Amino acid sequence: MASLTSVTLDVADPVAAEQFYATAFGLGPELRVRASEAPSTGFRGFTLSLTVSQPSTVDALVDSALAAGASPVKPVKKSLWGYGGVVQAPDGTLWKIATSAKKDKGPATRQIDRLVLLLGAEDVLASKRFYVDRGFTVGKSFGRKYVEFELPSSPVTLALYGRRALAKDAGVPPDGTGSHRIVLTGDSGPFADPDGFEWEKAPH
């Protein structure tokens, strides 16, 4: 069965990146870093999202990320779908921290409900077919706009979003060149998808 067991970010300084993520979000082995100087400019074609239970937890995680060295990209605010904002880690990765809840139900925590990897696709339907052909099961699908895969045993949720729409949602221009600076690990690799995102096979 298809899975996404971890996400590895290519960073210039792995020690600094590990320290940032431990301090800012407290993520576990599902997020890894490795040294790379692969050239990359502008939007890298993906975002990582932290879904949490309430607005105060969004504020707590955004504040800790900024204190640890992240840069603000989209200020935290209320919207039709909930409450959230976007920050950029020192290594360049874009992080969206959000909740669908409009009000707090208790004190703020640092509890993360879901880690979601959104891959920007030039053609969402073509990328969807590519992944289905490799054993991925579609959980949610909204035409040519958005696809989320059903990976019940995976610590990372995988979804496809139109590249330009994803950049707009993150608050950055859609243009970018060079490496995505990310590698995905699961049971289905190794392969590269239609947008050049690389997968490697998980060790057993």
Protein backbone atom coordinates (compact mmCIF):
# COMPACT_ATOMS: atom_id res chain seq x y z
CA MET A 1 0.00 0.00 0.00
CA ALA A 2 1.27 3.47 -0.86
CA SER A 3 2.56 5.60 2.00
CA LEU A 4 4.46 8.78 2.78
CA THR A 5 6.64 8.01 5.78
CA SER A 6 8.81 11.13 5.86
CA VAL A 7 9.73 14.37 4.13
CA THR A 8 13.38 15.40 3.77
CA LEU A 9 14.27 19.05 3.20
CA ASP A 10 17.50 19.96 1.42
CA VAL A 11 19.11 22.72 3.48
CA ALA A 12 22.42 24.57 3.52
CA ASP A 13 22.92 24.07 7.27
CA PRO A 14 21.37 20.85 8.66
CA VAL A 15 22.35 21.57 12.28
CA ALA A 16 20.69 24.99 12.22
CA ALA A 17 17.62 23.60 10.44
CA GLU A 18 17.19 20.77 12.96
CA GLN A 19 17.48 23.24 15.80
CA PHE A 20 14.90 25.54 14.19
CA TYR A 21 12.31 22.79 13.67
CA ALA A 22 12.82 21.34 17.15
CA THR A 23 12.33 24.78 18.69
CA ALA A 24 9.59 26.11 16.42
CA PHE A 25 7.32 23.09 15.94
CA GLY A 26 8.72 20.11 17.84
CA LEU A 27 8.23 17.77 14.88
CA GLY A 28 9.43 14.16 14.98
CA PRO A 29 11.07 11.76 12.49
CA GLU A 30 8.46 12.51 9.82
CA LEU A 31 10.48 15.66 9.01
CA ARG A 32 14.15 15.29 8.16
CA VAL A 33 16.87 17.56 6.80
CA ARG A 34 20.04 16.90 4.83
CA ALA A 35 22.86 19.04 3.50
CA SER A 36 22.44 20.33 -0.04
CA GLU A 37 23.57 23.31 -2.06
CA ALA A 38 21.25 22.50 -4.99
CA PRO A 39 20.43 25.79 -6.76
CA SER A 40 16.86 26.98 -6.27
CA THR A 41 15.19 30.36 -6.76
CA GLY A 42 11.72 31.65 -5.95
CA PHE A 43 8.77 29.35 -5.24
CA ARG A 44 9.88 25.74 -4.80
CA GLY A 45 6.49 24.34 -5.79
CA PHE A 46 5.34 23.01 -2.41
CA THR A 47 4.20 24.07 1.04
CA LEU A 48 4.01 22.26 4.35
CA SER A 49 1.00 22.86 6.57
CA LEU A 50 0.38 22.31 10.24
CA THR A 51 -3.30 21.81 11.05
CA VAL A 52 -4.21 22.49 14.68
CA SER A 53 -7.37 22.55 16.80
CA GLN A 54 -7.84 26.22 17.68
CA PRO A 55 -6.69 29.81 16.99
CA SER A 56 -4.57 30.18 20.14
CA THR A 57 -2.50 27.16 19.09
CA VAL A 58 -1.94 28.78 15.67
CA ASP A 59 -0.68 31.90 17.46
CA ALA A 60 1.58 29.86 19.75
CA LEU A 61 3.24 27.98 16.87
CA VAL A 62 3.60 31.06 14.66
CA ASP A 63 5.10 33.03 17.55
CA SER A 64 7.61 30.26 18.34
CA ALA A 65 8.56 29.97 14.65
CA LEU A 66 9.17 33.71 14.38
CA ALA A 67 11.15 33.71 17.63
CA ALA A 68 13.29 30.85 16.27
CA GLY A 69 14.16 32.81 13.12
CA ALA A 70 11.29 32.36 10.64
CA SER A 71 10.08 35.26 8.50
CA PRO A 72 6.42 36.32 8.27
CA VAL A 73 4.87 35.81 4.81
CA LYS A 74 1.12 36.10 5.41
CA PRO A 75 -0.03 37.55 8.72
CA VAL A 76 -2.27 35.41 10.89
CA LYS A 77 -5.90 36.37 10.44
CA LYS A 78 -9.48 35.10 10.34
CA SER A 79 -10.98 34.03 7.02
CA LEU A 80 -14.04 32.23 5.71
CA TRP A 81 -12.42 28.84 6.32
CA GLY A 82 -10.89 29.52 9.72
CA TYR A 83 -7.76 31.15 11.09
CA GLY A 84 -4.13 30.94 10.02
CA GLY A 85 -1.00 32.44 8.55
CA VAL A 86 2.19 31.59 6.64
CA VAL A 87 5.83 31.81 7.71
CA GLN A 88 9.06 31.00 5.90
CA ALA A 89 11.66 28.93 7.73
CA PRO A 90 15.30 30.08 7.60
CA ASP A 91 15.98 27.28 5.07
CA GLY A 92 13.35 28.77 2.72
CA THR A 93 10.50 26.28 3.28
CA LEU A 94 7.01 27.81 3.40
CA TRP A 95 4.84 26.72 6.35
CA LYS A 96 1.14 27.38 6.72
CA ILE A 97 -0.24 27.07 10.24
CA ALA A 98 -4.02 26.98 10.39
CA THR A 99 -7.21 25.79 12.07
CA SER A 100 -10.77 25.50 10.82
CA ALA A 101 -12.03 26.51 14.29
CA LYS A 102 -13.14 30.10 14.79
CA LYS A 103 -12.91 30.12 18.60
CA ASP A 104 -10.71 28.65 21.32
CA LYS A 105 -12.13 25.78 23.34
CA GLY A 106 -9.33 25.78 25.91
CA PRO A 107 -5.83 27.05 26.64
CA ALA A 108 -3.28 27.18 23.85
CA THR A 109 -1.21 24.04 23.27
CA ARG A 110 1.51 23.05 20.81
CA GLN A 111 -0.46 20.02 19.68
CA ILE A 112 -0.24 19.45 15.90
CA ASP A 113 -3.15 17.45 14.48
CA ARG A 114 -1.87 16.99 10.93
CA LEU A 115 1.28 17.62 8.92
CA VAL A 116 0.20 18.18 5.32
CA LEU A 117 2.49 18.31 2.27
CA LEU A 118 0.91 20.20 -0.62
CA LEU A 119 2.62 19.63 -3.98
CA GLY A 120 2.03 22.26 -6.63
CA ALA A 121 1.02 20.57 -9.89
CA GLU A 122 0.97 22.13 -13.34
CA ASP A 123 -1.80 19.65 -14.25
CA VAL A 124 -3.58 18.30 -11.17
CA LEU A 125 -5.48 15.62 -13.10
CA ALA A 126 -2.34 14.30 -14.80
CA SER A 127 -0.49 14.16 -11.48
CA LYS A 128 -3.49 12.50 -9.85
CA ARG A 129 -3.47 9.76 -12.52
CA PHE A 130 0.27 9.31 -12.05
CA TYR A 131 -0.10 8.70 -8.32
CA VAL A 132 -3.17 6.47 -8.67
CA ASP A 133 -1.20 4.33 -11.14
CA ARG A 134 1.40 3.86 -8.39
CA GLY A 135 -1.05 2.60 -5.80
CA PHE A 136 -2.21 5.81 -4.16
CA THR A 137 -5.89 5.99 -3.18
CA VAL A 138 -7.77 9.28 -3.62
CA GLY A 139 -9.47 10.46 -0.45
CA LYS A 140 -10.80 13.85 -1.58
CA SER A 141 -10.90 15.34 -5.06
CA PHE A 142 -12.15 18.69 -6.32
CA GLY A 143 -11.80 18.48 -10.10
CA ARG A 144 -8.70 20.11 -11.48
CA LYS A 145 -8.07 22.09 -8.29
CA TYR A 146 -7.22 19.80 -5.39
CA VAL A 147 -6.61 16.13 -4.61
CA GLU A 148 -5.90 14.60 -1.22
CA PHE A 149 -4.73 11.01 -0.94
CA GLU A 150 -5.92 8.49 1.62
CA LEU A 151 -2.81 7.37 3.53
CA PRO A 152 -4.19 6.16 6.87
CA SER A 153 -0.93 4.78 8.24
CA SER A 154 1.24 7.72 7.15
CA PRO A 155 2.37 10.51 9.51
CA VAL A 156 2.24 13.00 6.63
CA THR A 157 -0.87 13.83 4.59
CA LEU A 158 -0.19 14.19 0.84
CA ALA A 159 -2.21 16.49 -1.40
CA LEU A 160 -1.96 18.05 -4.88
CA TYR A 161 -2.90 21.66 -5.59
CA GLY A 162 -2.55 23.74 -8.74
CA ARG A 163 0.89 25.35 -8.61
CA ARG A 164 -0.27 28.94 -9.17
CA ALA A 165 -3.15 28.53 -6.70
CA LEU A 166 -0.77 27.08 -4.10
CA ALA A 167 1.65 30.00 -4.48
CA LYS A 168 -1.26 32.45 -4.13
CA ASP A 169 -2.49 30.66 -1.03
CA ALA A 170 1.01 30.87 0.46
CA GLY A 171 1.31 34.55 -0.43
CA VAL A 172 4.28 34.28 -2.79
CA PRO A 173 4.84 34.74 -6.56
CA PRO A 174 4.46 31.43 -8.48
CA ASP A 175 7.72 31.68 -10.40
CA GLY A 176 10.70 29.57 -9.39
CA THR A 177 13.59 27.65 -10.92
CA GLY A 178 15.97 24.88 -9.96
CA SER A 179 15.59 22.21 -7.31
CA HIS A 180 12.42 21.69 -5.27
CA ARG A 181 14.85 20.95 -2.40
CA ILE A 182 12.61 18.23 -1.01
CA VAL A 183 12.64 14.42 -1.17
CA LEU A 184 9.68 12.22 -0.22
CA THR A 185 10.12 8.77 1.31
CA GLY A 186 7.53 6.00 1.04
CA ASP A 187 6.89 2.42 0.00
CA SER A 188 6.32 3.27 -3.68
CA GLY A 189 9.63 4.84 -4.76
CA PRO A 190 11.99 5.48 -6.31
CA PHE A 191 10.43 7.73 -8.97
CA ALA A 192 9.93 11.37 -9.94
CA ASP A 193 6.40 12.66 -10.48
CA PRO A 194 5.30 14.81 -13.46
CA ASP A 195 6.34 17.98 -11.63
CA GLY A 196 9.78 16.65 -10.72
CA PHE A 197 9.16 15.79 -7.08
CA GLU A 198 11.48 12.93 -6.17
CA TRP A 199 10.52 9.89 -4.13
CA GLU A 200 12.84 7.34 -2.59
CA LYS A 201 11.93 3.97 -1.15
CA ALA A 202 11.67 3.69 2.61
CA PRO A 203 14.23 1.35 4.18
CA HIS A 204 12.81 -1.78 5.80
